[in-house]
Amino acid sequence: MAAICEDLEAETAELLKLIVGLSPIHWDMNTPAEGWSVRDAVSHLAFFDETGNLAATDPEAFAASAKELMASNDPGVGGITRGRSVKPVEVLNWFISARSNMIANFRNLDAKSRLPWYGPSMGALSFATARLMETWAHGQDIADALGATRPATARLKHIAHIGVRARPYSYMINNRELPPVDVAVRLNAPDGSTWTWNDDAADQNLISGDALEFCLIVTQRRHLLDTSLEVNGDAATEWIGFAQAFAGGAGTGREPLPNA
C-alpha cells in the first residue's frame, strides 16, 4: 500500500500543478467530457475520495451514503451539484482535504483487505490503483481544456494494467460475449522499456505501441484514429473499439480530433 499511495500522491501533485492558481473563468471552462467543466471534474474526484475514505474507515456509514446516492435522481450526483454551488477555492480545498485524508487512511490498510463500493467490494490495493487511474483520466480532460501537456511517467503502467484486466468488464457492460481468447498487449514505456501482458497470445491478437496512447484509449480520452497503436487480430480489433478501464456504464468514447 505504501508504494501505490506514493504513486497516488505523485499523480495528485501533477493534477494540482494544473488547477492551483486557476482563475474562476478557467474553473468553469468546458472539458472534452461532454457537459463537464474543470470544476466538475475536480468535484467528482473530491466526492469519490471522500466516499472512498468513508468506505475504508466506516463501512456502515458508507453503505448509508451509497444507498442515498444510488437512489438519487439528481443528474449532478457524485459531487457535481455540490461543486457548482461553491467557489472554486472551496472545490480545490475540498479535493485537497479529501485526497489527503483518503491517502493517509489507505496507508494503514492491508493491501488485500476488502472495501465496500457501489458494486462489488474491492481490494484495497485495487481501490487505490483505481483512484490513481481516475485522477489521471480526469486530469487529462482538464489538461486538454487548458491546452496543457503532462509528462508520461511510469505510473501509466497502473492504468494500462487496469485497462488490460478490465477487458471482460468492457464486454459485460456493452452486452457482448467475451471471446475465449486472450489479447496480447505490448507497450513502449516512458523509460524505453517494454510492458507486456498475455504475450503468449501475440501471434493471434496483439495491440502494440506507445503506453500513453494505450492509456488514453482504455480511459476513452482519445479515439483510436488519433493514435499510432497497431492492432492485429479479430479479438484485438473488436475489444479496442470499446475498451474501458473505468467502472460504471458503457462509455461513449471520443470522436476523432479534427484532421485526424
C-alpha atoms as a PDB file:
ATOM      1  CA  MET A   1       0.000   0.000   0.000  1.00  0.00           C
ATOM      2  CA  ALA A   2       2.906   2.334   0.678  1.00  0.00           C
ATOM      3  CA  ALA A   3       4.073   2.167  -2.944  1.00  0.00           C
ATOM      4  CA  ILE A   4       0.665   2.760  -4.528  1.00  0.00           C
ATOM      5  CA  CYS A   5      -0.044   5.578  -2.083  1.00  0.00           C
ATOM      6  CA  GLU A   6       3.217   7.240  -3.092  1.00  0.00           C
ATOM      7  CA  ASP A   7       2.243   6.962  -6.752  1.00  0.00           C
ATOM      8  CA  LEU A   8      -1.223   8.308  -5.978  1.00  0.00           C
ATOM      9  CA  GLU A   9       0.350  11.266  -4.193  1.00  0.00           C
ATOM     10  CA  ALA A  10       2.591  11.908  -7.199  1.00  0.00           C
ATOM     11  CA  GLU A  11      -0.377  11.797  -9.581  1.00  0.00           C
ATOM     12  CA  THR A  12      -2.249  14.145  -7.269  1.00  0.00           C
ATOM     13  CA  ALA A  13       0.673  16.568  -7.374  1.00  0.00           C
ATOM     14  CA  GLU A  14       0.547  16.576 -11.195  1.00  0.00           C
ATOM     15  CA  LEU A  15      -3.144  17.440 -11.087  1.00  0.00           C
ATOM     16  CA  LEU A  16      -2.573  20.217  -8.568  1.00  0.00           C
ATOM     17  CA  LYS A  17       0.002  21.766 -10.888  1.00  0.00           C
ATOM     18  CA  LEU A  18      -2.831  22.227 -13.374  1.00  0.00           C
ATOM     19  CA  ILE A  19      -5.516  23.621 -11.090  1.00  0.00           C
ATOM     20  CA  VAL A  20      -3.833  25.600  -8.313  1.00  0.00           C
ATOM     21  CA  GLY A  21      -3.980  29.264  -9.208  1.00  0.00           C
ATOM     22  CA  LEU A  22      -6.591  28.951 -11.950  1.00  0.00           C
ATOM     23  CA  SER A  23      -8.949  31.880 -12.396  1.00  0.00           C
ATOM     24  CA  PRO A  24     -12.709  31.362 -11.927  1.00  0.00           C
ATOM     25  CA  ILE A  25     -13.086  31.567 -15.692  1.00  0.00           C
ATOM     26  CA  HIS A  26     -10.758  28.603 -16.140  1.00  0.00           C
ATOM     27  CA  TRP A  27     -12.556  26.599 -13.457  1.00  0.00           C
ATOM     28  CA  ASP A  28     -15.741  26.878 -15.500  1.00  0.00           C
ATOM     29  CA  MET A  29     -14.156  26.011 -18.850  1.00  0.00           C
ATOM     30  CA  ASN A  30     -15.692  23.045 -20.627  1.00  0.00           C
ATOM     31  CA  THR A  31     -13.580  19.907 -20.852  1.00  0.00           C
ATOM     32  CA  PRO A  32     -13.766  17.336 -23.669  1.00  0.00           C
ATOM     33  CA  ALA A  33     -16.028  15.291 -21.361  1.00  0.00           C
ATOM     34  CA  GLU A  34     -19.424  16.476 -22.594  1.00  0.00           C
ATOM     35  CA  GLY A  35     -21.249  18.580 -20.004  1.00  0.00           C
ATOM     36  CA  TRP A  36     -18.314  18.637 -17.586  1.00  0.00           C
ATOM     37  CA  SER A  37     -16.257  21.680 -16.664  1.00  0.00           C
ATOM     38  CA  VAL A  38     -12.890  21.736 -14.915  1.00  0.00           C
ATOM     39  CA  ARG A  39     -14.815  22.426 -11.703  1.00  0.00           C
ATOM     40  CA  ASP A  40     -17.000  19.358 -12.281  1.00  0.00           C
ATOM     41  CA  ALA A  41     -14.042  17.043 -12.824  1.00  0.00           C
ATOM     42  CA  VAL A  42     -12.342  18.147  -9.600  1.00  0.00           C
ATOM     43  CA  SER A  43     -15.613  17.969  -7.666  1.00  0.00           C
ATOM     44  CA  HIS A  44     -16.176  14.436  -8.929  1.00  0.00           C
ATOM     45  CA  LEU A  45     -12.732  13.362  -7.735  1.00  0.00           C
ATOM     46  CA  ALA A  46     -13.233  15.031  -4.357  1.00  0.00           C
ATOM     47  CA  PHE A  47     -16.590  13.360  -3.808  1.00  0.00           C
ATOM     48  CA  PHE A  48     -15.363   9.856  -4.517  1.00  0.00           C
ATOM     49  CA  ASP A  49     -12.197  10.397  -2.493  1.00  0.00           C
ATOM     50  CA  GLU A  50     -14.453  11.385   0.381  1.00  0.00           C
ATOM     51  CA  THR A  51     -16.682   8.333  -0.009  1.00  0.00           C
ATOM     52  CA  GLY A  52     -13.650   6.119  -0.591  1.00  0.00           C
ATOM     53  CA  ASN A  53     -12.235   7.281   2.709  1.00  0.00           C
ATOM     54  CA  LEU A  54     -15.594   6.538   4.309  1.00  0.00           C
ATOM     55  CA  ALA A  55     -15.566   3.030   2.836  1.00  0.00           C
ATOM     56  CA  ALA A  56     -12.146   2.447   4.392  1.00  0.00           C
ATOM     57  CA  THR A  57     -12.943   3.838   7.826  1.00  0.00           C
ATOM     58  CA  ASP A  58     -16.696   3.415   8.408  1.00  0.00           C
ATOM     59  CA  PRO A  59     -18.323   0.776   6.159  1.00  0.00           C
ATOM     60  CA  GLU A  60     -21.750   1.221   7.729  1.00  0.00           C
ATOM     61  CA  ALA A  61     -21.750   4.955   7.113  1.00  0.00           C
ATOM     62  CA  PHE A  62     -20.556   4.313   3.570  1.00  0.00           C
ATOM     63  CA  ALA A  63     -23.409   1.859   2.978  1.00  0.00           C
ATOM     64  CA  ALA A  64     -25.935   4.511   4.007  1.00  0.00           C
ATOM     65  CA  SER A  65     -24.231   7.083   1.786  1.00  0.00           C
ATOM     66  CA  ALA A  66     -24.149   4.695  -1.162  1.00  0.00           C
ATOM     67  CA  LYS A  67     -27.839   3.869  -0.768  1.00  0.00           C
ATOM     68  CA  GLU A  68     -28.683   7.559  -0.847  1.00  0.00           C
ATOM     69  CA  LEU A  69     -26.529   8.162  -3.907  1.00  0.00           C
ATOM     70  CA  MET A  70     -27.907   5.204  -5.859  1.00  0.00           C
ATOM     71  CA  ALA A  71     -31.497   6.280  -5.099  1.00  0.00           C
ATOM     72  CA  SER A  72     -30.994   9.872  -6.190  1.00  0.00           C
ATOM     73  CA  ASN A  73     -32.417  11.100  -9.495  1.00  0.00           C
ATOM     74  CA  ASP A  74     -30.200  14.183  -9.427  1.00  0.00           C
ATOM     75  CA  PRO A  75     -28.004  14.171 -12.563  1.00  0.00           C
ATOM     76  CA  GLY A  76     -25.455  16.149 -10.591  1.00  0.00           C
ATOM     77  CA  VAL A  77     -24.740  13.475  -8.002  1.00  0.00           C
ATOM     78  CA  GLY A  78     -21.189  12.407  -7.433  1.00  0.00           C
ATOM     79  CA  GLY A  79     -20.045  15.821  -6.290  1.00  0.00           C
ATOM     80  CA  ILE A  80     -21.137  17.821  -9.330  1.00  0.00           C
ATOM     81  CA  THR A  81     -24.046  19.657  -7.708  1.00  0.00           C
ATOM     82  CA  ARG A  82     -22.056  20.460  -4.584  1.00  0.00           C
ATOM     83  CA  GLY A  83     -19.096  21.696  -6.580  1.00  0.00           C
ATOM     84  CA  ARG A  84     -21.239  24.012  -8.674  1.00  0.00           C
ATOM     85  CA  SER A  85     -22.733  25.613  -5.566  1.00  0.00           C
ATOM     86  CA  VAL A  86     -19.465  26.892  -4.085  1.00  0.00           C
ATOM     87  CA  LYS A  87     -16.482  28.999  -5.096  1.00  0.00           C
ATOM     88  CA  PRO A  88     -13.573  27.383  -6.981  1.00  0.00           C
ATOM     89  CA  VAL A  89     -11.256  27.777  -3.981  1.00  0.00           C
ATOM     90  CA  GLU A  90     -13.704  25.729  -1.924  1.00  0.00           C
ATOM     91  CA  VAL A  91     -13.710  22.980  -4.545  1.00  0.00           C
ATOM     92  CA  LEU A  92      -9.917  22.993  -4.525  1.00  0.00           C
ATOM     93  CA  ASN A  93      -9.740  22.804  -0.734  1.00  0.00           C
ATOM     94  CA  TRP A  94     -12.369  20.063  -0.703  1.00  0.00           C
ATOM     95  CA  PHE A  95     -10.329  17.984  -3.119  1.00  0.00           C
ATOM     96  CA  ILE A  96      -7.040  18.539  -1.271  1.00  0.00           C
ATOM     97  CA  SER A  97      -8.599  17.632   2.082  1.00  0.00           C
ATOM     98  CA  ALA A  98     -10.498  14.590   0.807  1.00  0.00           C
ATOM     99  CA  ARG A  99      -7.489  13.255  -1.097  1.00  0.00           C
ATOM    100  CA  SER A 100      -5.119  13.797   1.834  1.00  0.00           C
ATOM    101  CA  ASN A 101      -7.429  12.047   4.285  1.00  0.00           C
ATOM    102  CA  MET A 102      -8.047   9.142   1.927  1.00  0.00           C
ATOM    103  CA  ILE A 103      -4.360   8.506   1.270  1.00  0.00           C
ATOM    104  CA  ALA A 104      -3.490   8.769   4.967  1.00  0.00           C
ATOM    105  CA  ASN A 105      -6.028   6.087   5.820  1.00  0.00           C
ATOM    106  CA  PHE A 106      -5.162   3.906   2.829  1.00  0.00           C
ATOM    107  CA  ARG A 107      -1.584   3.693   4.084  1.00  0.00           C
ATOM    108  CA  ASN A 108      -2.838   1.825   7.144  1.00  0.00           C
ATOM    109  CA  LEU A 109      -4.808  -0.786   5.182  1.00  0.00           C
ATOM    110  CA  ASP A 110      -3.749  -4.297   4.328  1.00  0.00           C
ATOM    111  CA  ALA A 111      -3.439  -4.497   0.545  1.00  0.00           C
ATOM    112  CA  LYS A 112      -5.805  -7.492   0.447  1.00  0.00           C
ATOM    113  CA  SER A 113      -8.474  -6.058   2.735  1.00  0.00           C
ATOM    114  CA  ARG A 114     -11.867  -5.551   1.120  1.00  0.00           C
ATOM    115  CA  LEU A 115     -13.604  -2.192   0.836  1.00  0.00           C
ATOM    116  CA  PRO A 116     -17.317  -1.868   0.113  1.00  0.00           C
ATOM    117  CA  TRP A 117     -18.136   0.101  -3.015  1.00  0.00           C
ATOM    118  CA  TYR A 118     -21.065   0.870  -5.307  1.00  0.00           C
ATOM    119  CA  GLY A 119     -20.868  -2.548  -6.935  1.00  0.00           C
ATOM    120  CA  PRO A 120     -18.811  -5.488  -5.682  1.00  0.00           C
ATOM    121  CA  SER A 121     -16.314  -4.832  -2.903  1.00  0.00           C
ATOM    122  CA  MET A 122     -12.755  -4.069  -3.963  1.00  0.00           C
ATOM    123  CA  GLY A 123      -9.352  -4.984  -2.611  1.00  0.00           C
ATOM    124  CA  ALA A 124      -7.597  -2.030  -1.027  1.00  0.00           C
ATOM    125  CA  LEU A 125      -4.688  -2.152  -3.481  1.00  0.00           C
ATOM    126  CA  SER A 126      -7.034  -2.287  -6.476  1.00  0.00           C
ATOM    127  CA  PHE A 127      -9.114   0.520  -4.980  1.00  0.00           C
ATOM    128  CA  ALA A 128      -6.132   2.827  -4.590  1.00  0.00           C
ATOM    129  CA  THR A 129      -4.947   1.981  -8.108  1.00  0.00           C
ATOM    130  CA  ALA A 130      -8.384   2.829  -9.472  1.00  0.00           C
ATOM    131  CA  ARG A 131      -8.254   6.217  -7.738  1.00  0.00           C
ATOM    132  CA  LEU A 132      -4.933   6.869  -9.483  1.00  0.00           C
ATOM    133  CA  MET A 133      -6.461   5.910 -12.830  1.00  0.00           C
ATOM    134  CA  GLU A 134      -9.442   8.204 -12.260  1.00  0.00           C
ATOM    135  CA  THR A 135      -7.147  11.056 -11.252  1.00  0.00           C
ATOM    136  CA  TRP A 136      -5.067  10.646 -14.385  1.00  0.00           C
ATOM    137  CA  ALA A 137      -8.088  10.345 -16.686  1.00  0.00           C
ATOM    138  CA  HIS A 138      -9.937  13.373 -15.334  1.00  0.00           C
ATOM    139  CA  GLY A 139      -6.626  15.197 -15.202  1.00  0.00           C
ATOM    140  CA  GLN A 140      -6.301  14.548 -18.934  1.00  0.00           C
ATOM    141  CA  ASP A 141      -9.665  16.203 -19.527  1.00  0.00           C
ATOM    142  CA  ILE A 142      -8.514  19.207 -17.520  1.00  0.00           C
ATOM    143  CA  ALA A 143      -5.187  19.375 -19.330  1.00  0.00           C
ATOM    144  CA  ASP A 144      -6.964  19.235 -22.681  1.00  0.00           C
ATOM    145  CA  ALA A 145      -9.337  22.011 -21.631  1.00  0.00           C
ATOM    146  CA  LEU A 146      -6.418  24.205 -20.600  1.00  0.00           C
ATOM    147  CA  GLY A 147      -4.255  23.338 -23.589  1.00  0.00           C
ATOM    148  CA  ALA A 148      -1.631  21.864 -21.255  1.00  0.00           C
ATOM    149  CA  THR A 149       0.556  18.802 -21.618  1.00  0.00           C
ATOM    150  CA  ARG A 150       1.681  16.398 -18.924  1.00  0.00           C
ATOM    151  CA  PRO A 151       4.750  14.168 -18.778  1.00  0.00           C
ATOM    152  CA  ALA A 152       4.335  10.457 -19.386  1.00  0.00           C
ATOM    153  CA  THR A 153       5.531   8.590 -16.290  1.00  0.00           C
ATOM    154  CA  ALA A 154       5.954   5.044 -15.028  1.00  0.00           C
ATOM    155  CA  ARG A 155       2.592   5.483 -13.277  1.00  0.00           C
ATOM    156  CA  LEU A 156       0.964   4.801 -16.625  1.00  0.00           C
ATOM    157  CA  LYS A 157       1.638   1.108 -16.007  1.00  0.00           C
ATOM    158  CA  HIS A 158      -1.067   1.098 -13.329  1.00  0.00           C
ATOM    159  CA  ILE A 159      -3.586   2.474 -15.818  1.00  0.00           C
ATOM    160  CA  ALA A 160      -2.559   0.130 -18.609  1.00  0.00           C
ATOM    161  CA  HIS A 161      -2.807  -2.826 -16.233  1.00  0.00           C
ATOM    162  CA  ILE A 162      -6.348  -1.889 -15.234  1.00  0.00           C
ATOM    163  CA  GLY A 163      -7.217  -1.484 -18.903  1.00  0.00           C
ATOM    164  CA  VAL A 164      -5.987  -4.980 -19.759  1.00  0.00           C
ATOM    165  CA  ARG A 165      -7.555  -6.601 -16.706  1.00  0.00           C
ATOM    166  CA  ALA A 166     -10.872  -4.844 -17.382  1.00  0.00           C
ATOM    167  CA  ARG A 167     -11.327  -6.481 -20.792  1.00  0.00           C
ATOM    168  CA  PRO A 168     -14.040  -8.870 -19.512  1.00  0.00           C
ATOM    169  CA  TYR A 169     -15.822  -5.926 -17.872  1.00  0.00           C
ATOM    170  CA  SER A 170     -15.724  -3.992 -21.151  1.00  0.00           C
ATOM    171  CA  TYR A 171     -17.596  -6.834 -22.819  1.00  0.00           C
ATOM    172  CA  MET A 172     -20.061  -7.267 -19.985  1.00  0.00           C
ATOM    173  CA  ILE A 173     -21.009  -3.580 -19.736  1.00  0.00           C
ATOM    174  CA  ASN A 174     -21.512  -3.451 -23.521  1.00  0.00           C
ATOM    175  CA  ASN A 175     -23.668  -6.608 -23.512  1.00  0.00           C
ATOM    176  CA  ARG A 176     -21.200  -8.521 -25.670  1.00  0.00           C
ATOM    177  CA  GLU A 177     -19.895 -12.059 -25.403  1.00  0.00           C
ATOM    178  CA  LEU A 178     -16.240 -12.275 -24.420  1.00  0.00           C
ATOM    179  CA  PRO A 179     -14.271 -14.322 -26.980  1.00  0.00           C
ATOM    180  CA  PRO A 180     -12.471 -17.341 -25.476  1.00  0.00           C
ATOM    181  CA  VAL A 181      -9.046 -15.974 -26.475  1.00  0.00           C
ATOM    182  CA  ASP A 182      -6.553 -13.605 -24.904  1.00  0.00           C
ATOM    183  CA  VAL A 183      -5.295 -10.357 -26.396  1.00  0.00           C
ATOM    184  CA  ALA A 184      -1.602  -9.602 -26.013  1.00  0.00           C
ATOM    185  CA  VAL A 185      -0.554  -6.045 -25.201  1.00  0.00           C
ATOM    186  CA  ARG A 186       2.995  -4.739 -25.707  1.00  0.00           C
ATOM    187  CA  LEU A 187       3.642  -1.146 -24.782  1.00  0.00           C
ATOM    188  CA  ASN A 188       6.630   1.142 -25.097  1.00  0.00           C
ATOM    189  CA  ALA A 189       7.132   2.580 -21.620  1.00  0.00           C
ATOM    190  CA  PRO A 190       8.304   6.157 -20.988  1.00  0.00           C
ATOM    191  CA  ASP A 191      11.729   4.898 -19.872  1.00  0.00           C
ATOM    192  CA  GLY A 192      12.287   2.895 -23.070  1.00  0.00           C
ATOM    193  CA  SER A 193      11.431  -0.494 -21.606  1.00  0.00           C
ATOM    194  CA  THR A 194       8.555  -2.705 -22.752  1.00  0.00           C
ATOM    195  CA  TRP A 195       5.485  -3.615 -20.729  1.00  0.00           C
ATOM    196  CA  THR A 196       3.711  -6.814 -21.757  1.00  0.00           C
ATOM    197  CA  TRP A 197       0.516  -8.665 -20.922  1.00  0.00           C
ATOM    198  CA  ASN A 198      -0.656 -12.048 -22.266  1.00  0.00           C
ATOM    199  CA  ASP A 199       2.377 -12.214 -24.535  1.00  0.00           C
ATOM    200  CA  ASP A 200       1.756 -15.861 -25.454  1.00  0.00           C
ATOM    201  CA  ALA A 201      -1.299 -14.678 -27.431  1.00  0.00           C
ATOM    202  CA  ALA A 202       0.705 -12.258 -29.582  1.00  0.00           C
ATOM    203  CA  ASP A 203       0.691 -14.479 -32.678  1.00  0.00           C
ATOM    204  CA  GLN A 204      -3.091 -14.225 -32.934  1.00  0.00           C
ATOM    205  CA  ASN A 205      -4.136 -10.987 -31.245  1.00  0.00           C
ATOM    206  CA  LEU A 206      -1.791  -8.123 -30.398  1.00  0.00           C
ATOM    207  CA  ILE A 207      -2.090  -4.450 -29.523  1.00  0.00           C
ATOM    208  CA  SER A 208       1.240  -2.656 -29.508  1.00  0.00           C
ATOM    209  CA  GLY A 209       2.627   0.832 -29.368  1.00  0.00           C
ATOM    210  CA  ASP A 210       3.010   3.772 -27.030  1.00  0.00           C
ATOM    211  CA  ALA A 211       1.930   3.272 -23.408  1.00  0.00           C
ATOM    212  CA  LEU A 212       0.480   6.773 -23.140  1.00  0.00           C
ATOM    213  CA  GLU A 213      -1.666   6.237 -26.216  1.00  0.00           C
ATOM    214  CA  PHE A 214      -2.947   2.909 -24.910  1.00  0.00           C
ATOM    215  CA  CYS A 215      -3.906   4.551 -21.610  1.00  0.00           C
ATOM    216  CA  LEU A 216      -5.724   7.306 -23.479  1.00  0.00           C
ATOM    217  CA  ILE A 217      -7.686   4.637 -25.353  1.00  0.00           C
ATOM    218  CA  VAL A 218      -8.687   2.467 -22.376  1.00  0.00           C
ATOM    219  CA  THR A 219      -9.792   5.536 -20.410  1.00  0.00           C
ATOM    220  CA  GLN A 220     -11.673   6.668 -23.546  1.00  0.00           C
ATOM    221  CA  ARG A 221      -9.842  10.003 -23.721  1.00  0.00           C
ATOM    222  CA  ARG A 222      -8.824   9.580 -27.353  1.00  0.00           C
ATOM    223  CA  HIS A 223     -10.135   7.872 -30.472  1.00  0.00           C
ATOM    224  CA  LEU A 224      -8.015   5.092 -31.925  1.00  0.00           C
ATOM    225  CA  LEU A 225      -7.511   7.157 -35.093  1.00  0.00           C
ATOM    226  CA  ASP A 226      -5.680   9.753 -33.005  1.00  0.00           C
ATOM    227  CA  THR A 227      -3.023   7.214 -32.000  1.00  0.00           C
ATOM    228  CA  SER A 228      -0.349   5.175 -33.732  1.00  0.00           C
ATOM    229  CA  LEU A 229      -1.266   1.955 -31.927  1.00  0.00           C
ATOM    230  CA  GLU A 230      -1.016  -1.198 -34.031  1.00  0.00           C
ATOM    231  CA  VAL A 231      -3.925  -3.597 -33.633  1.00  0.00           C
ATOM    232  CA  ASN A 232      -3.760  -7.075 -35.129  1.00  0.00           C
ATOM    233  CA  GLY A 233      -6.302  -9.886 -34.880  1.00  0.00           C
ATOM    234  CA  ASP A 234     -10.073 -10.048 -34.750  1.00  0.00           C
ATOM    235  CA  ALA A 235     -10.358 -10.154 -30.956  1.00  0.00           C
ATOM    236  CA  ALA A 236      -7.921  -7.281 -30.510  1.00  0.00           C
ATOM    237  CA  THR A 237      -9.696  -5.179 -33.134  1.00  0.00           C
ATOM    238  CA  GLU A 238     -13.089  -5.791 -31.560  1.00  0.00           C
ATOM    239  CA  TRP A 239     -12.024  -5.066 -27.993  1.00  0.00           C
ATOM    240  CA  ILE A 240     -10.056  -1.881 -28.637  1.00  0.00           C
ATOM    241  CA  GLY A 241     -13.196  -0.298 -30.061  1.00  0.00           C
ATOM    242  CA  PHE A 242     -14.883  -0.209 -26.653  1.00  0.00           C
ATOM    243  CA  ALA A 243     -12.106  -0.928 -24.134  1.00  0.00           C
ATOM    244  CA  GLN A 244     -12.954   0.637 -20.788  1.00  0.00           C
ATOM    245  CA  ALA A 245     -10.748   0.854 -17.702  1.00  0.00           C
ATOM    246  CA  PHE A 246     -13.294   2.688 -15.566  1.00  0.00           C
ATOM    247  CA  ALA A 247     -16.347   1.331 -13.744  1.00  0.00           C
ATOM    248  CA  GLY A 248     -19.912   2.396 -14.373  1.00  0.00           C
ATOM    249  CA  GLY A 249     -21.941   2.434 -17.563  1.00  0.00           C
ATOM    250  CA  ALA A 250     -20.544   1.861 -21.014  1.00  0.00           C
ATOM    251  CA  GLY A 251     -18.532   4.865 -22.081  1.00  0.00           C
ATOM    252  CA  THR A 252     -19.338   6.699 -25.298  1.00  0.00           C
ATOM    253  CA  GLY A 253     -15.713   7.281 -26.220  1.00  0.00           C
ATOM    254  CA  ARG A 254     -14.447  10.334 -28.088  1.00  0.00           C
ATOM    255  CA  GLU A 255     -14.745  11.470 -31.663  1.00  0.00           C
ATOM    256  CA  PRO A 256     -11.519  11.711 -33.700  1.00  0.00           C
ATOM    257  CA  LEU A 257      -9.751  15.031 -33.333  1.00  0.00           C
ATOM    258  CA  PRO A 258     -10.091  17.434 -36.273  1.00  0.00           C
ATOM    259  CA  ASN A 259      -7.793  16.495 -39.161  1.00  0.00           C
ATOM    260  CA  ALA A 260      -7.036  13.124 -37.548  1.00  0.00           C
END
